[in-house]
Amino acid sequence: MTSVAPPSPESPWLVADVGGTNARFGLVTRPGGRPETIAVLPGAEYDGLSDAVGSYLANHAGGVRAGAACLAIAGPVNADRYRLTNGGWSGSVTELGIPHVELLNDFEALALALPRLAADDLASLGGPAPAPDMLKVVLGPGTGLGVAGLVPARGGWVPVPGEGGHVSAPAVTELEIEVIRALRADGMSFVDAEHLLSGPGLVRLRHGLALVNGTPVAPLPASEIVARLDDSLCARTVEVFCGLLGSFAANVALTLGARGGVYLGGGIVPRIVNRVHASDFRRRFEANLVLSDYLTGIATTAIVAEQPALTGAAAWLAQRVSDKEPALTAPVSSRSRGPFRAGRVSPESTASKPVAPGAPGAPGAGQ
């Protein structure tokens, strides 16, 4: 049995938020401390997670040896195995050589950060103040579209991971339906929410609007679409994006009963908070024929904090200190939180326990 030792300057906790584009790292050097020595490493410059972790510890953390780690991965995790949904990295965290490693889905970590965010880490997108002790959800467009819940429990919070970004696109208006038809005619056999509500989704949405207008245009990256306020097609793209996001957020809130609030993170919304607030987002969030009153009572809030998932990863390790639970023996197909849940491993727990190709948690398995 192993438990997580409290962090110290000599044996800090390594926390990470590993996305399809960037890997963000930090250290926690004291109990209750916030992540520090934060660095953002472009994923394309590294051969894999082990290479990026080694580079961070050597070049940004003074060569310190981490005593424990919690890694938030943008994709399914299972025991010691991980796979980036929108990136090429996959494998086992036993390759890192860290005594105790926890794996979370990236939005699971973001959910865990919610109770620790201060008022200036948040910006209202409409509705009442968030209810502090009720079920919450977090979602966010970035390289992909992440979703997770956070359930209050005795002595803390339980994150609920999922792959809700891959539900059907929440088209409501005639224009949105036309855009999806145009994209299907252009070669997409299926259009899910992430296909429109993400960085690549902004590019795809602009293309779809151009197809509907009968005026094909050269592609632009998402950053330029958001920045070009004087371009009518780019401006319309962001407007449609915000409306779709409102309907998607309402669907998530209703599915999980998120009376504690819907929080929006990711790489896009924090950059366009004022535009989301001024858009059709909140009206679309409340536009339900049967449960409009229910949705009206739910707060919608943007997360504007820097690197909040690192805070959530640190919170998860802190719970492990108090829980003093044993490390899981890997591979394990599931825990009580479902097939894509946090994994907990120590090097001895995975020795001589290979994962068969195609089994849950093996590279290429899952979504």
Protein backbone atom coordinates (compact mmCIF):
# COMPACT_ATOMS: atom_id res chain seq x y z
CA MET A 1 0.00 0.00 0.00
CA THR A 2 1.19 3.49 -0.83
CA SER A 3 -0.04 6.95 0.08
CA VAL A 4 0.95 10.38 -1.12
CA ALA A 5 3.51 12.13 1.05
CA PRO A 6 2.94 15.86 1.59
CA PRO A 7 4.91 18.07 -0.79
CA SER A 8 8.15 19.81 0.17
CA PRO A 9 10.75 21.88 -1.69
CA GLU A 10 13.01 18.80 -1.81
CA SER A 11 10.23 16.44 -2.97
CA PRO A 12 7.49 18.54 -4.60
CA TRP A 13 4.37 17.41 -6.36
CA LEU A 14 4.39 17.71 -10.13
CA VAL A 15 1.06 18.83 -11.58
CA ALA A 16 0.30 19.00 -15.29
CA ASP A 17 -2.46 19.89 -17.72
CA VAL A 18 -1.67 18.09 -20.97
CA GLY A 19 -3.72 19.20 -23.96
CA GLY A 20 -3.63 18.57 -27.67
CA THR A 21 -1.58 21.72 -28.30
CA ASN A 22 0.31 22.53 -25.09
CA ALA A 23 1.46 20.79 -21.93
CA ARG A 24 1.38 22.98 -18.81
CA PHE A 25 3.45 22.04 -15.79
CA GLY A 26 3.87 23.32 -12.24
CA LEU A 27 5.19 22.32 -8.83
CA VAL A 28 3.51 22.28 -5.42
CA THR A 29 6.19 22.66 -2.74
CA ARG A 30 4.15 22.86 0.48
CA PRO A 31 0.86 21.50 1.84
CA GLY A 32 -2.00 23.75 0.76
CA GLY A 33 0.25 25.62 -1.66
CA ARG A 34 -0.72 26.70 -5.15
CA PRO A 35 1.19 25.50 -8.20
CA GLU A 36 4.31 27.53 -8.93
CA THR A 37 7.24 27.45 -11.38
CA ILE A 38 4.64 27.14 -14.15
CA ALA A 39 5.79 26.54 -17.71
CA VAL A 40 3.87 25.93 -20.93
CA LEU A 41 5.55 23.57 -23.39
CA PRO A 42 4.35 23.15 -27.01
CA GLY A 43 3.47 19.50 -27.47
CA ALA A 44 4.73 19.38 -31.05
CA GLU A 45 8.29 19.98 -29.84
CA TYR A 46 8.44 16.77 -27.77
CA ASP A 47 8.34 13.09 -28.67
CA GLY A 48 5.93 12.24 -25.87
CA LEU A 49 4.83 12.87 -22.32
CA SER A 50 8.00 11.42 -20.75
CA ASP A 51 10.15 13.70 -22.91
CA ALA A 52 8.10 16.78 -21.96
CA VAL A 53 8.12 15.94 -18.23
CA GLY A 54 11.88 15.39 -18.32
CA SER A 55 12.42 18.69 -20.10
CA TYR A 56 10.27 20.59 -17.62
CA LEU A 57 11.98 19.14 -14.55
CA ALA A 58 15.47 19.66 -15.99
CA ASN A 59 15.07 23.06 -17.64
CA HIS A 60 12.37 24.80 -15.60
CA ALA A 61 12.43 23.15 -12.16
CA GLY A 62 16.14 22.99 -11.44
CA GLY A 63 16.39 19.23 -11.86
CA VAL A 64 14.27 18.50 -8.78
CA ARG A 65 12.84 14.97 -8.40
CA ALA A 66 9.08 14.92 -7.94
CA GLY A 67 7.76 12.81 -5.07
CA ALA A 68 4.32 12.47 -6.62
CA ALA A 69 2.47 13.72 -9.67
CA CYS A 70 -1.05 14.34 -10.91
CA LEU A 71 -1.39 14.64 -14.67
CA ALA A 72 -4.58 15.95 -16.27
CA ILE A 73 -4.86 14.52 -19.79
CA ALA A 74 -7.11 15.77 -22.61
CA GLY A 75 -8.47 12.34 -23.39
CA PRO A 76 -9.46 9.01 -21.85
CA VAL A 77 -7.37 7.65 -18.98
CA ASN A 78 -7.49 4.18 -17.51
CA ALA A 79 -5.30 3.10 -14.58
CA ASP A 80 -1.75 3.94 -15.74
CA ARG A 81 -2.71 4.40 -19.41
CA TYR A 82 -3.50 7.63 -21.23
CA ARG A 83 -4.22 8.78 -24.78
CA LEU A 84 -4.56 12.33 -26.03
CA THR A 85 -7.75 12.62 -28.08
CA ASN A 86 -6.39 15.44 -30.25
CA GLY A 87 -2.69 14.63 -30.10
CA GLY A 88 -0.24 11.85 -30.77
CA TRP A 89 0.81 11.01 -27.23
CA SER A 90 -0.21 7.78 -25.55
CA GLY A 91 1.35 5.29 -23.20
CA SER A 92 1.86 4.52 -19.53
CA VAL A 93 2.86 6.93 -16.76
CA THR A 94 5.07 4.24 -15.27
CA GLU A 95 7.61 5.42 -17.85
CA LEU A 96 8.01 8.68 -15.90
CA GLY A 97 9.89 7.13 -12.98
CA ILE A 98 7.89 9.10 -10.38
CA PRO A 99 7.02 7.13 -7.20
CA HIS A 100 3.28 7.92 -7.21
CA VAL A 101 1.30 9.16 -10.22
CA GLU A 102 -2.37 10.03 -10.52
CA LEU A 103 -4.11 10.40 -13.89
CA LEU A 104 -7.17 12.56 -14.46
CA ASN A 105 -9.09 13.68 -17.50
CA ASP A 106 -8.24 17.38 -18.02
CA PHE A 107 -11.79 18.56 -17.35
CA GLU A 108 -11.97 16.34 -14.29
CA ALA A 109 -9.06 18.42 -12.97
CA LEU A 110 -10.74 21.64 -14.04
CA ALA A 111 -13.88 20.58 -12.16
CA LEU A 112 -11.84 19.95 -9.01
CA ALA A 113 -10.51 23.51 -9.21
CA LEU A 114 -13.98 25.10 -9.03
CA PRO A 115 -14.35 25.25 -5.22
CA ARG A 116 -10.86 26.80 -4.97
CA LEU A 117 -11.38 29.64 -7.45
CA ALA A 118 -11.61 33.19 -6.10
CA ALA A 119 -14.08 35.83 -7.23
CA ASP A 120 -11.53 37.47 -9.53
CA ASP A 121 -10.92 34.10 -11.21
CA LEU A 122 -14.50 34.16 -12.52
CA ALA A 123 -16.71 36.32 -14.76
CA SER A 124 -20.50 36.04 -14.86
CA LEU A 125 -22.16 35.11 -18.16
CA GLY A 126 -25.66 35.52 -16.76
CA GLY A 127 -28.00 34.16 -14.13
CA PRO A 128 -27.78 34.21 -10.33
CA ALA A 129 -24.65 33.72 -8.24
CA PRO A 130 -23.42 30.10 -8.28
CA ALA A 131 -24.81 27.93 -5.48
CA PRO A 132 -21.76 26.89 -3.45
CA ASP A 133 -22.65 23.37 -2.29
CA MET A 134 -24.61 21.89 -5.19
CA LEU A 135 -23.62 19.83 -8.22
CA LYS A 136 -21.60 21.82 -10.76
CA VAL A 137 -20.48 21.23 -14.33
CA VAL A 138 -17.61 22.63 -16.31
CA LEU A 139 -17.27 22.63 -20.06
CA GLY A 140 -15.00 24.38 -22.47
CA PRO A 141 -14.03 24.71 -26.10
CA GLY A 142 -10.30 24.56 -26.82
CA THR A 143 -8.43 22.15 -29.05
CA GLY A 144 -11.43 19.93 -28.31
CA LEU A 145 -14.60 20.27 -26.21
CA GLY A 146 -14.31 19.03 -22.64
CA VAL A 147 -17.07 18.30 -20.13
CA ALA A 148 -17.05 17.17 -16.49
CA GLY A 149 -19.24 17.31 -13.41
CA LEU A 150 -18.41 17.94 -9.75
CA VAL A 151 -20.56 16.28 -7.08
CA PRO A 152 -20.48 17.35 -3.42
CA ALA A 153 -19.66 14.53 -1.04
CA ARG A 154 -18.90 14.21 2.63
CA GLY A 155 -15.53 15.82 3.24
CA GLY A 156 -14.94 17.00 -0.31
CA TRP A 157 -15.92 16.76 -3.96
CA VAL A 158 -16.07 13.91 -6.47
CA PRO A 159 -15.32 14.75 -10.13
CA VAL A 160 -17.35 13.02 -12.83
CA PRO A 161 -15.46 12.75 -16.14
CA GLY A 162 -17.11 12.16 -19.48
CA GLU A 163 -16.84 12.57 -23.22
CA GLY A 164 -19.83 14.88 -23.61
CA GLY A 165 -18.12 16.94 -26.29
CA HIS A 166 -18.87 14.15 -28.76
CA VAL A 167 -22.66 14.27 -28.51
CA SER A 168 -24.58 15.47 -31.56
CA ALA A 169 -24.20 19.13 -32.48
CA PRO A 170 -26.85 21.25 -30.69
CA ALA A 171 -28.27 22.92 -33.81
CA VAL A 172 -31.49 24.83 -33.15
CA THR A 173 -31.89 27.62 -35.70
CA GLU A 174 -32.51 27.16 -39.41
CA LEU A 175 -29.08 28.65 -40.14
CA GLU A 176 -27.34 26.17 -37.84
CA ILE A 177 -29.19 23.28 -39.46
CA GLU A 178 -28.20 24.58 -42.91
CA VAL A 179 -24.57 24.81 -41.84
CA ILE A 180 -24.59 21.19 -40.70
CA ARG A 181 -26.23 20.10 -43.95
CA ALA A 182 -23.60 22.02 -45.91
CA LEU A 183 -20.75 20.42 -43.96
CA ARG A 184 -22.23 16.96 -44.49
CA ALA A 185 -22.55 17.63 -48.20
CA ASP A 186 -18.94 18.77 -48.13
CA GLY A 187 -17.77 15.40 -46.82
CA MET A 188 -18.50 15.20 -43.08
CA SER A 189 -20.63 12.12 -42.42
CA PHE A 190 -21.40 13.17 -38.84
CA VAL A 191 -21.14 16.52 -37.08
CA ASP A 192 -20.79 16.38 -33.29
CA ALA A 193 -20.65 19.26 -30.82
CA GLU A 194 -16.85 19.35 -30.75
CA HIS A 195 -16.76 19.67 -34.53
CA LEU A 196 -18.28 23.17 -34.11
CA LEU A 197 -17.49 24.16 -30.51
CA SER A 198 -13.70 24.15 -30.44
CA GLY A 199 -10.77 25.92 -32.07
CA PRO A 200 -10.95 23.68 -35.14
CA GLY A 201 -14.72 24.02 -34.82
CA LEU A 202 -14.54 27.78 -35.34
CA VAL A 203 -12.63 27.15 -38.57
CA ARG A 204 -15.21 24.55 -39.63
CA LEU A 205 -18.13 26.77 -38.64
CA ARG A 206 -16.82 29.69 -40.72
CA HIS A 207 -16.37 27.32 -43.66
CA GLY A 208 -19.92 26.05 -43.24
CA LEU A 209 -21.36 29.57 -43.15
CA ALA A 210 -19.43 30.41 -46.32
CA LEU A 211 -20.86 27.32 -48.01
CA VAL A 212 -24.38 28.34 -47.01
CA ASN A 213 -23.74 31.83 -48.40
CA GLY A 214 -22.40 30.36 -51.64
CA THR A 215 -19.12 32.25 -51.25
CA PRO A 216 -16.28 29.85 -50.39
CA VAL A 217 -13.36 31.51 -48.62
CA ALA A 218 -9.77 30.67 -47.76
CA PRO A 219 -9.46 29.13 -44.28
CA LEU A 220 -8.36 31.20 -41.31
CA PRO A 221 -7.04 29.95 -37.96
CA ALA A 222 -9.36 30.25 -34.97
CA SER A 223 -7.23 33.01 -33.43
CA GLU A 224 -7.77 35.22 -36.49
CA ILE A 225 -11.48 34.46 -36.69
CA VAL A 226 -11.88 35.68 -33.12
CA ALA A 227 -9.65 38.72 -33.66
CA ARG A 228 -11.19 40.03 -36.91
CA LEU A 229 -13.99 42.15 -35.50
CA ASP A 230 -14.37 44.10 -38.76
CA ASP A 231 -14.86 40.99 -40.90
CA SER A 232 -18.58 40.21 -41.24
CA LEU A 233 -18.10 36.47 -41.80
CA CYS A 234 -15.76 36.13 -38.81
CA ALA A 235 -18.11 38.16 -36.62
CA ARG A 236 -21.06 36.01 -37.71
CA THR A 237 -19.05 32.87 -37.01
CA VAL A 238 -18.46 33.95 -33.41
CA GLU A 239 -22.15 34.87 -33.00
CA VAL A 240 -23.29 31.44 -34.19
CA PHE A 241 -20.62 29.81 -32.03
CA CYS A 242 -21.95 31.56 -28.92
CA GLY A 243 -25.53 30.53 -29.65
CA LEU A 244 -24.55 26.90 -30.14
CA LEU A 245 -22.51 27.08 -26.94
CA GLY A 246 -25.55 28.30 -25.00
CA SER A 247 -27.67 25.37 -26.16
CA PHE A 248 -24.88 22.90 -25.47
CA ALA A 249 -24.34 24.29 -21.96
CA ALA A 250 -28.08 23.97 -21.25
CA ASN A 251 -28.04 20.34 -22.41
CA VAL A 252 -25.17 19.55 -20.05
CA ALA A 253 -26.85 21.38 -17.16
CA LEU A 254 -30.09 19.46 -17.64
CA THR A 255 -28.34 16.11 -18.05
CA LEU A 256 -26.47 16.37 -14.75
CA GLY A 257 -28.83 18.64 -12.81
CA ALA A 258 -26.16 21.30 -12.37
CA ARG A 259 -27.95 23.61 -9.96
CA GLY A 260 -24.59 24.65 -8.54
CA GLY A 261 -23.70 26.35 -11.80
CA VAL A 262 -22.28 25.84 -15.26
CA TYR A 263 -18.67 26.99 -15.61
CA LEU A 264 -16.97 27.61 -18.94
CA GLY A 265 -13.23 27.19 -19.35
CA GLY A 266 -10.98 26.04 -22.17
CA GLY A 267 -8.85 28.17 -24.44
CA ILE A 268 -11.53 30.21 -26.23
CA VAL A 269 -14.23 31.52 -23.88
CA PRO A 270 -11.84 33.32 -21.46
CA ARG A 271 -10.57 35.34 -24.44
CA ILE A 272 -14.02 36.46 -25.60
CA VAL A 273 -15.92 36.83 -22.33
CA ASN A 274 -17.45 40.20 -23.25
CA ARG A 275 -18.61 38.90 -26.63
CA VAL A 276 -20.16 35.80 -25.08
CA HIS A 277 -21.92 37.96 -22.48
CA ALA A 278 -23.32 40.26 -25.19
CA SER A 279 -24.31 37.37 -27.48
CA ASP A 280 -27.30 35.04 -27.67
CA PHE A 281 -25.55 32.64 -25.29
CA ARG A 282 -27.68 33.18 -22.18
CA ARG A 283 -30.99 33.42 -24.06
CA ARG A 284 -30.22 30.12 -25.76
CA PHE A 285 -29.22 28.62 -22.41
CA GLU A 286 -32.64 29.43 -20.93
CA ALA A 287 -34.67 28.63 -24.09
CA ASN A 288 -36.36 25.40 -23.04
CA LEU A 289 -40.09 25.01 -23.53
CA VAL A 290 -40.54 22.83 -20.44
CA LEU A 291 -37.72 23.75 -18.03
CA SER A 292 -36.91 27.38 -18.73
CA ASP A 293 -37.51 28.31 -15.07
CA TYR A 294 -35.11 25.57 -13.98
CA LEU A 295 -32.38 26.86 -16.30
CA THR A 296 -33.01 30.50 -15.36
CA GLY A 297 -31.98 29.59 -11.80
CA ILE A 298 -28.60 28.21 -12.87
CA ALA A 299 -25.53 30.45 -12.99
CA THR A 300 -23.33 30.52 -16.08
CA THR A 301 -19.78 31.63 -15.31
CA ALA A 302 -16.55 31.95 -17.29
CA ILE A 303 -13.29 30.81 -15.70
CA VAL A 304 -10.68 33.50 -16.34
CA ALA A 305 -8.01 32.19 -13.94
CA GLU A 306 -4.58 31.29 -15.27
CA GLN A 307 -3.94 27.53 -15.45
CA PRO A 308 -6.92 26.44 -13.27
CA ALA A 309 -6.51 22.73 -14.13
CA LEU A 310 -3.16 22.74 -12.30
CA THR A 311 -5.01 23.91 -9.19
CA GLY A 312 -7.45 21.02 -9.63
CA ALA A 313 -4.64 18.49 -10.04
CA ALA A 314 -3.08 19.75 -6.81
CA ALA A 315 -6.46 19.48 -5.07
CA TRP A 316 -6.73 15.83 -6.13
CA LEU A 317 -3.32 14.99 -4.66
CA ALA A 318 -4.24 16.83 -1.46
CA GLN A 319 -7.32 14.60 -1.14
CA ARG A 320 -5.10 11.56 -1.55
CA VAL A 321 -2.98 12.69 1.43
CA SER A 322 -6.08 12.86 3.62
CA ASP A 323 -7.62 9.69 2.17
CA LYS A 324 -4.38 7.66 2.38
CA GLU A 325 -5.86 5.19 -0.08
CA PRO A 326 -3.74 2.43 -1.62
CA ALA A 327 -2.44 2.72 -5.15
CA LEU A 328 -4.48 0.84 -7.70
CA THR A 329 -3.11 -2.29 -9.23
CA ALA A 330 -2.94 -1.68 -12.97
CA PRO A 331 -4.42 -2.43 -15.36
CA VAL A 332 -7.92 -2.05 -13.95
CA SER A 333 -10.93 -1.68 -16.21
CA SER A 334 -12.95 0.60 -13.97
CA ARG A 335 -13.56 2.19 -10.63
CA SER A 336 -16.84 3.42 -9.25
CA ARG A 337 -16.64 6.53 -11.41
CA GLY A 338 -16.83 4.68 -14.71
CA PRO A 339 -14.56 3.39 -17.47
CA PHE A 340 -12.77 6.67 -18.15
CA ARG A 341 -11.76 7.67 -14.66
CA ALA A 342 -8.73 8.77 -12.76
CA GLY A 343 -5.97 6.21 -12.49
CA ARG A 344 -3.63 5.82 -9.57
CA VAL A 345 -0.39 3.94 -10.02
CA SER A 346 2.90 3.28 -8.38
CA PRO A 347 5.79 1.65 -10.25
CA GLU A 348 5.49 -1.66 -8.40
CA SER A 349 1.77 -1.88 -9.13
CA THR A 350 2.25 -2.15 -12.88
CA ALA A 351 5.23 -4.47 -13.11
CA SER A 352 4.47 -7.60 -15.13
CA LYS A 353 0.93 -6.39 -15.81
CA PRO A 354 0.85 -5.68 -19.57
CA VAL A 355 -2.25 -4.30 -21.27
CA ALA A 356 -3.36 -6.39 -24.20
CA PRO A 357 -3.70 -4.59 -27.55
CA GLY A 358 -7.26 -3.39 -27.99
CA ALA A 359 -8.07 -3.70 -24.28
CA PRO A 360 -9.47 -0.66 -22.43
CA GLY A 361 -6.58 1.69 -21.72
CA ALA A 362 -4.28 0.28 -24.42
CA PRO A 363 -2.94 2.77 -26.98
CA GLY A 364 -5.60 3.36 -29.58
CA ALA A 365 -8.40 1.91 -27.44
CA GLY A 366 -11.34 4.02 -26.31
CA GLN A 367 -12.87 6.81 -28.34
